[in-house]
Amino acid sequence: MIAMPCHCGYGFLTTTSNEIVKPIHEKAMPAILTTPAVVDLWLTGVWADVKHLRRPLPGNMLVLVEPPANPKDDDLLL
């Protein structure tokens, strides 16, 4: 079997920062889809039906966590 190269493209849509993200990154944050139904709508809908999904995640749905004090080399993404 011959391995074929993947010509994949990736991207993400940003929106204005919510009150949790704004102190860290004032300009923007990713638009986050929170349910399978919303993901399906995003992937299959027309812009007029999905553009309202480009909104900041409500602050009560996002939690900041502290990074580990001493990450192990195995845990680092290179």
Protein backbone atom coordinates (compact mmCIF):
# COMPACT_ATOMS: atom_id res chain seq x y z
CA MET A 1 0.00 0.00 0.00
CA ILE A 2 1.32 3.43 -0.93
CA ALA A 3 0.81 6.17 1.62
CA MET A 4 -0.75 9.22 0.02
CA PRO A 5 0.11 12.65 1.39
CA CYS A 6 -2.64 14.47 3.21
CA HIS A 7 -3.46 17.82 1.69
CA CYS A 8 -5.53 18.90 4.64
CA GLY A 9 -6.26 22.48 5.47
CA TYR A 10 -7.23 23.81 8.85
CA GLY A 11 -8.55 27.08 10.09
CA PHE A 12 -10.62 28.59 12.83
CA LEU A 13 -13.07 31.40 13.09
CA THR A 14 -12.57 34.13 15.66
CA THR A 15 -14.94 36.49 17.37
CA THR A 16 -14.64 39.21 19.98
CA SER A 17 -13.17 38.18 23.32
CA ASN A 18 -15.44 37.45 26.26
CA GLU A 19 -14.77 38.74 29.79
CA ILE A 20 -12.58 35.71 30.63
CA VAL A 21 -10.34 35.89 27.55
CA LYS A 22 -10.15 39.69 27.18
CA PRO A 23 -7.50 40.20 29.92
CA ILE A 24 -5.28 37.64 28.14
CA HIS A 25 -6.08 38.43 24.51
CA GLU A 26 -8.13 41.56 24.02
CA LYS A 27 -8.56 41.34 20.25
CA ALA A 28 -10.25 37.98 19.67
CA MET A 29 -10.99 34.42 20.73
CA PRO A 30 -12.06 31.34 18.78
CA ALA A 31 -15.76 30.92 18.13
CA ILE A 32 -16.56 27.72 20.08
CA LEU A 33 -19.34 25.36 19.06
CA THR A 34 -20.69 23.60 22.13
CA THR A 35 -23.13 20.88 21.02
CA PRO A 36 -23.25 18.26 18.26
CA ALA A 37 -26.37 19.92 16.84
CA VAL A 38 -24.60 23.29 16.59
CA VAL A 39 -21.55 21.67 14.96
CA ASP A 40 -23.82 19.98 12.41
CA LEU A 41 -25.60 23.26 11.70
CA TRP A 42 -22.24 25.02 11.27
CA LEU A 43 -20.96 22.39 8.85
CA THR A 44 -24.10 22.08 6.76
CA GLY A 45 -25.92 25.41 7.00
CA VAL A 46 -25.78 28.47 4.82
CA TRP A 47 -24.15 31.64 6.17
CA ALA A 48 -27.46 33.38 6.80
CA ASP A 49 -28.45 30.53 9.15
CA VAL A 50 -25.11 30.09 10.94
CA LYS A 51 -23.55 33.56 11.24
CA HIS A 52 -25.13 34.03 14.68
CA LEU A 53 -22.84 31.19 15.91
CA ARG A 54 -19.85 33.51 15.51
CA ARG A 55 -20.16 34.89 19.02
CA PRO A 56 -18.07 34.78 22.19
CA LEU A 57 -18.63 31.80 24.44
CA PRO A 58 -20.46 32.97 27.59
CA GLY A 59 -17.96 33.51 30.41
CA ASN A 60 -19.70 30.96 32.64
CA MET A 61 -18.89 28.23 30.09
CA LEU A 62 -15.12 28.79 30.15
CA VAL A 63 -12.67 28.00 32.93
CA LEU A 64 -9.02 29.05 33.07
CA VAL A 65 -6.59 26.59 34.60
CA GLU A 66 -3.04 27.19 35.73
CA PRO A 67 -0.33 25.49 33.68
CA PRO A 68 1.69 22.81 35.47
CA ALA A 69 4.52 24.24 37.57
CA ASN A 70 7.17 21.99 36.04
CA PRO A 71 5.96 20.32 32.87
CA LYS A 72 7.78 17.13 31.98
CA ASP A 73 9.54 17.04 28.62
CA ASP A 74 7.13 14.27 27.58
CA ASP A 75 4.18 16.62 28.08
CA LEU A 76 5.51 19.44 25.91
CA LEU A 77 4.19 19.84 22.37
CA LEU A 78 7.00 20.45 19.97
